[in-house]
Amino acid sequence: MPTAKELLLEHLEYTFEKEGWQPPLGMAVAGLAAEQAAWKPAPGRHSIWQIVRHVLHWKRGVLSAWVGDPRDYQWMNDSDWPEVSGDQGAWERDVKELHDMSNEFRQRLEEISDEDLDQARPWYRDVPPRALAQRLLHMFTHDVYHAGQVQYLRALQQVPADRFFNAAGWRGDVAVLRQVLDAHPDLLNAFDRSGWTALQLAAYTGHVEAVRFLLDRGADVHAVSRNEIAATALKSAEVAGHAAIAEVLRANGASR
C-alpha cells in the first residue's frame, strides 16, 4: 500500500513532468515562442504566459507558508493575473522558474516524513490551518487544471509544431505535413515535447504514407528519441507490429 508521501510524489510527477492521462503542465508549456505564450483569443481573456505567472504566484505563496511566512490571501488575489509581455528570454526564464519550483517541491517532499505531511499549518494569514498533504494535493492538481487550458490555447493558435506532430502521429495527414514543412522545414527532424520525431511517431502509429513522405523529404532514419525509451523509427515500427513500415524504413537505410 503506497504511503501518502509516495502518492503525492507520483501526483506531482503526472501533473507536471510525465504524460499519463493528459499532458502535464511542464510539457504543455514547452516549445512555445514568446508571442505564442502572450497570445490571447480575445480581449479580457488570459494568455498562456499569464497562466504560467498565475501558477508561479500561488506556488510562491505555498513555499513561503511552508517555511513559516504565510502571505495575506486577499493580497494574493488582488495581485494575481497581471498583464504579461516580453521577449523570448523573459518567457524562457518564467518557464525555467516553473520547472525549478517543481523540483524544489519534489526535493522538499522527498525529505519529509508522512508524519510531517499530517501536520496542520497556516497557509495564509487569518485562514484556518490545513494539513501539508492536503495543501500539496490541491496545488499539484491546480497544475494539471491549467495544463488543459494551455493545451486549448495552443490548439486555438494552431501552433505549427503541434499541427506537424499531430498530423504525423494521430492522423498520418500528408497534406498537413507538407503544408507545415513548406513553411517550417526545421521541424522535419525536430523532436516533439515527448522526445519523438515525426518519423518515429508515424512509424509507431502505422501511417505508412506519412512515413514515405517524411523519408522523401529527408527525415533522419537513424534518429533516436530523446526520452527514456530511446527508440529509432525502425524500433518503433517493430514494437508496434507494423512490418510493412519496418520494411520501408530498412529500404531507406534503417538497421536498428
Protein backbone atom coordinates (compact mmCIF):
# COMPACT_ATOMS: atom_id res chain seq x y z
CA MET A 1 0.00 0.00 0.00
CA PRO A 2 1.61 3.32 -1.05
CA THR A 3 2.14 5.95 1.60
CA ALA A 4 0.75 9.48 1.41
CA LYS A 5 4.22 10.71 0.52
CA GLU A 6 4.58 8.20 -2.33
CA LEU A 7 1.17 9.13 -3.70
CA LEU A 8 1.96 12.84 -3.60
CA LEU A 9 5.28 12.31 -5.38
CA GLU A 10 3.50 10.35 -8.10
CA HIS A 11 0.80 13.02 -8.35
CA LEU A 12 3.49 15.67 -8.78
CA GLU A 13 5.16 13.61 -11.48
CA TYR A 14 2.00 13.14 -13.52
CA THR A 15 0.65 16.67 -13.13
CA PHE A 16 3.88 18.48 -14.01
CA GLU A 17 6.51 16.18 -15.52
CA LYS A 18 5.25 12.99 -17.14
CA GLU A 19 2.39 12.40 -19.55
CA GLY A 20 -0.28 10.00 -18.31
CA TRP A 21 -3.97 10.62 -18.94
CA GLN A 22 -3.15 14.13 -20.13
CA PRO A 23 -0.12 16.29 -20.93
CA PRO A 24 1.29 17.69 -17.66
CA LEU A 25 1.91 21.39 -17.17
CA GLY A 26 5.67 21.22 -17.75
CA MET A 27 5.09 19.58 -21.11
CA ALA A 28 2.14 21.81 -22.03
CA VAL A 29 4.22 24.99 -21.91
CA ALA A 30 7.21 23.55 -23.79
CA GLY A 31 8.36 24.66 -27.22
CA LEU A 32 6.48 27.96 -27.42
CA ALA A 33 7.67 31.29 -28.76
CA ALA A 34 7.09 34.36 -26.59
CA GLU A 35 4.44 35.69 -28.97
CA GLN A 36 2.57 32.40 -28.79
CA ALA A 37 2.76 32.46 -24.99
CA ALA A 38 1.44 36.04 -24.90
CA TRP A 39 -1.37 35.47 -27.44
CA LYS A 40 -4.98 35.90 -26.28
CA PRO A 41 -8.08 34.56 -28.03
CA ALA A 42 -9.98 37.76 -27.19
CA PRO A 43 -9.58 40.91 -25.07
CA GLY A 44 -10.10 40.15 -21.42
CA ARG A 45 -9.07 36.52 -21.79
CA HIS A 46 -5.89 35.08 -20.32
CA SER A 47 -2.79 34.10 -22.26
CA ILE A 48 -0.58 31.07 -21.68
CA TRP A 49 2.03 33.41 -20.22
CA GLN A 50 -0.48 34.80 -17.73
CA ILE A 51 -1.41 31.26 -16.72
CA VAL A 52 2.25 30.47 -16.06
CA ARG A 53 2.63 33.65 -13.98
CA HIS A 54 -0.57 32.77 -12.10
CA VAL A 55 0.73 29.30 -11.23
CA LEU A 56 4.08 30.72 -10.15
CA HIS A 57 2.34 33.32 -7.99
CA TRP A 58 0.39 30.76 -5.94
CA LYS A 59 3.29 28.31 -5.74
CA ARG A 60 5.48 31.06 -4.30
CA GLY A 61 2.77 31.60 -1.70
CA VAL A 62 2.75 27.93 -0.75
CA LEU A 63 6.54 27.83 -0.47
CA SER A 64 6.52 30.96 1.67
CA ALA A 65 3.96 29.44 4.03
CA TRP A 66 5.89 26.16 4.12
CA VAL A 67 8.88 27.98 5.65
CA GLY A 68 6.68 29.78 8.17
CA ASP A 69 5.77 33.02 6.39
CA PRO A 70 2.17 32.74 5.16
CA ARG A 71 1.00 35.54 2.89
CA ASP A 72 -2.20 37.54 3.01
CA TYR A 73 -4.89 35.78 0.98
CA GLN A 74 -6.56 38.97 -0.18
CA TRP A 75 -3.23 40.36 -1.36
CA MET A 76 -2.59 37.14 -3.27
CA ASN A 77 -5.92 37.52 -5.06
CA ASP A 78 -5.54 41.24 -5.74
CA SER A 79 -2.03 40.88 -7.18
CA ASP A 80 -2.92 37.95 -9.44
CA TRP A 81 -3.33 37.94 -13.26
CA PRO A 82 -1.24 40.98 -14.31
CA GLU A 83 -0.72 41.67 -18.00
CA VAL A 84 2.43 39.98 -19.35
CA SER A 85 4.69 40.72 -22.30
CA GLY A 86 8.34 40.34 -23.12
CA ASP A 87 10.92 38.73 -25.34
CA GLN A 88 11.85 35.07 -25.73
CA GLY A 89 14.39 35.29 -22.94
CA ALA A 90 11.78 36.56 -20.47
CA TRP A 91 9.35 33.79 -21.41
CA GLU A 92 12.01 31.10 -21.08
CA ARG A 93 13.04 32.42 -17.67
CA ASP A 94 9.47 32.05 -16.45
CA VAL A 95 9.27 28.50 -17.81
CA LYS A 96 12.59 27.69 -16.14
CA GLU A 97 11.31 29.07 -12.83
CA LEU A 98 8.23 26.86 -13.18
CA HIS A 99 10.47 23.79 -13.58
CA ASP A 100 12.81 24.90 -10.81
CA MET A 101 9.89 25.37 -8.45
CA SER A 102 8.51 21.93 -9.26
CA ASN A 103 11.94 20.47 -8.50
CA GLU A 104 12.01 22.33 -5.20
CA PHE A 105 8.65 20.90 -4.20
CA ARG A 106 9.85 17.43 -5.14
CA GLN A 107 13.04 17.81 -3.11
CA ARG A 108 11.19 19.15 -0.08
CA LEU A 109 8.61 16.38 -0.30
CA GLU A 110 11.30 13.68 -0.56
CA GLU A 111 12.98 14.99 2.59
CA ILE A 112 9.97 14.95 4.93
CA SER A 113 8.07 12.14 6.64
CA ASP A 114 4.45 11.05 6.44
CA GLU A 115 4.04 12.42 9.95
CA ASP A 116 5.13 15.85 8.68
CA LEU A 117 2.50 15.63 5.96
CA ASP A 118 -0.20 15.22 8.60
CA GLN A 119 0.74 18.42 10.41
CA ALA A 120 -1.66 21.33 10.04
CA ARG A 121 -0.19 24.75 9.39
CA PRO A 122 -1.48 28.18 8.30
CA TRP A 123 -1.17 28.65 4.56
CA TYR A 124 -2.48 32.22 4.51
CA ARG A 125 -2.80 34.82 7.25
CA ASP A 126 -6.07 34.65 9.20
CA VAL A 127 -7.11 31.45 7.39
CA PRO A 128 -7.65 28.19 9.32
CA PRO A 129 -4.66 25.80 9.08
CA ARG A 130 -4.72 22.71 6.88
CA ALA A 131 -2.55 19.61 6.65
CA LEU A 132 0.51 19.85 4.41
CA ALA A 133 -0.59 16.78 2.43
CA GLN A 134 -3.94 18.36 1.63
CA ARG A 135 -2.38 21.64 0.51
CA LEU A 136 0.12 19.91 -1.76
CA LEU A 137 -2.55 17.67 -3.25
CA HIS A 138 -4.63 20.70 -4.23
CA MET A 139 -1.62 22.60 -5.58
CA PHE A 140 -0.44 19.74 -7.81
CA THR A 141 -3.99 19.28 -9.12
CA HIS A 142 -4.05 23.01 -9.88
CA ASP A 143 -1.15 22.40 -12.31
CA VAL A 144 -2.99 19.89 -14.43
CA TYR A 145 -6.15 22.01 -14.48
CA HIS A 146 -4.17 24.82 -16.08
CA ALA A 147 -2.31 22.39 -18.35
CA GLY A 148 -5.66 21.73 -20.01
CA GLN A 149 -6.19 25.45 -20.57
CA VAL A 150 -2.72 25.79 -22.08
CA GLN A 151 -3.42 22.90 -24.45
CA TYR A 152 -6.64 24.58 -25.56
CA LEU A 153 -4.88 27.90 -26.21
CA ARG A 154 -2.22 26.09 -28.22
CA ALA A 155 -4.93 24.42 -30.31
CA LEU A 156 -6.68 27.74 -30.95
CA GLN A 157 -3.41 29.20 -32.26
CA GLN A 158 -2.66 26.16 -34.45
CA VAL A 159 0.97 26.16 -33.33
CA PRO A 160 2.95 24.79 -36.33
CA ALA A 161 4.87 22.20 -34.31
CA ASP A 162 1.64 20.92 -32.76
CA ARG A 163 -0.02 20.64 -36.18
CA PHE A 164 3.02 18.86 -37.59
CA PHE A 165 3.44 16.23 -34.89
CA ASN A 166 -0.30 15.63 -34.59
CA ALA A 167 -0.51 15.11 -38.35
CA ALA A 168 2.33 12.57 -38.18
CA GLY A 169 1.26 10.65 -35.10
CA TRP A 170 -2.50 10.87 -34.94
CA ARG A 171 -3.82 11.17 -38.48
CA GLY A 172 -0.96 10.44 -40.85
CA ASP A 173 -2.14 13.52 -42.76
CA VAL A 174 0.38 14.02 -45.56
CA ALA A 175 -1.29 17.23 -46.78
CA VAL A 176 -0.80 18.91 -43.39
CA LEU A 177 2.74 17.55 -43.09
CA ARG A 178 3.61 19.05 -46.49
CA GLN A 179 1.95 22.38 -45.68
CA VAL A 180 3.75 22.80 -42.36
CA LEU A 181 7.13 21.63 -43.67
CA ASP A 182 6.98 24.02 -46.61
CA ALA A 183 6.76 26.88 -44.11
CA HIS A 184 8.85 25.35 -41.32
CA PRO A 185 11.44 22.94 -42.77
CA ASP A 186 13.32 22.93 -39.45
CA LEU A 187 10.57 20.72 -37.99
CA LEU A 188 11.49 17.73 -40.19
CA ASN A 189 13.97 16.25 -37.71
CA ALA A 190 12.86 18.19 -34.64
CA PHE A 191 11.63 16.43 -31.51
CA ASP A 192 8.18 16.93 -30.06
CA ARG A 193 7.50 17.67 -26.39
CA SER A 194 7.68 13.94 -25.60
CA GLY A 195 11.01 13.49 -27.36
CA TRP A 196 9.83 11.92 -30.64
CA THR A 197 10.48 12.90 -34.26
CA ALA A 198 7.60 12.97 -36.72
CA LEU A 199 9.05 9.92 -38.47
CA GLN A 200 9.16 7.95 -35.23
CA LEU A 201 5.56 8.91 -34.45
CA ALA A 202 4.29 7.96 -37.91
CA ALA A 203 6.19 4.66 -37.77
CA TYR A 204 4.80 3.75 -34.36
CA THR A 205 1.20 4.66 -35.19
CA GLY A 206 1.23 2.84 -38.54
CA HIS A 207 0.89 5.67 -41.07
CA VAL A 208 2.89 4.28 -43.97
CA GLU A 209 2.18 7.13 -46.42
CA ALA A 210 3.32 9.66 -43.82
CA VAL A 211 6.48 7.60 -43.29
CA ARG A 212 7.17 7.56 -47.04
CA PHE A 213 6.56 11.28 -47.34
CA LEU A 214 8.85 12.16 -44.43
CA LEU A 215 11.59 9.91 -45.81
CA ASP A 216 11.26 11.55 -49.23
CA ARG A 217 11.70 14.93 -47.55
CA GLY A 218 14.93 13.73 -45.92
CA ALA A 219 13.86 12.65 -42.43
CA ASP A 220 16.69 11.12 -40.41
CA VAL A 221 16.02 7.39 -40.31
CA HIS A 222 18.71 6.91 -37.65
CA ALA A 223 17.43 9.48 -35.14
CA VAL A 224 16.90 8.20 -31.60
CA SER A 225 14.04 9.51 -29.47
CA ARG A 226 15.02 11.88 -26.68
CA ASN A 227 13.25 10.09 -23.85
CA GLU A 228 13.71 7.06 -21.65
CA ILE A 229 12.63 4.72 -24.47
CA ALA A 230 15.49 5.83 -26.79
CA ALA A 231 13.90 4.28 -29.89
CA THR A 232 14.55 4.74 -33.60
CA ALA A 233 11.75 4.81 -36.16
CA LEU A 234 12.52 1.19 -37.05
CA LYS A 235 12.36 0.03 -33.46
CA SER A 236 9.10 1.95 -33.01
CA ALA A 237 7.55 0.25 -36.04
CA GLU A 238 8.72 -3.19 -34.93
CA VAL A 239 7.44 -2.78 -31.37
CA ALA A 240 4.04 -1.69 -32.72
CA GLY A 241 3.92 -4.63 -35.16
CA HIS A 242 3.97 -2.57 -38.39
CA ALA A 243 6.01 -4.92 -40.57
CA ALA A 244 5.34 -3.07 -43.84
CA ILE A 245 6.61 0.20 -42.36
CA ALA A 246 9.65 -1.57 -40.96
CA GLU A 247 10.48 -2.78 -44.48
CA VAL A 248 10.11 0.74 -45.90
CA LEU A 249 12.50 2.04 -43.23
CA ARG A 250 15.05 -0.72 -43.90
CA ALA A 251 14.87 0.07 -47.62
CA ASN A 252 15.83 3.61 -46.69
CA GLY A 253 18.88 2.61 -44.66
CA ALA A 254 17.48 1.79 -41.22
CA SER A 255 19.26 -1.07 -39.49
CA ARG A 256 18.29 -0.74 -35.80
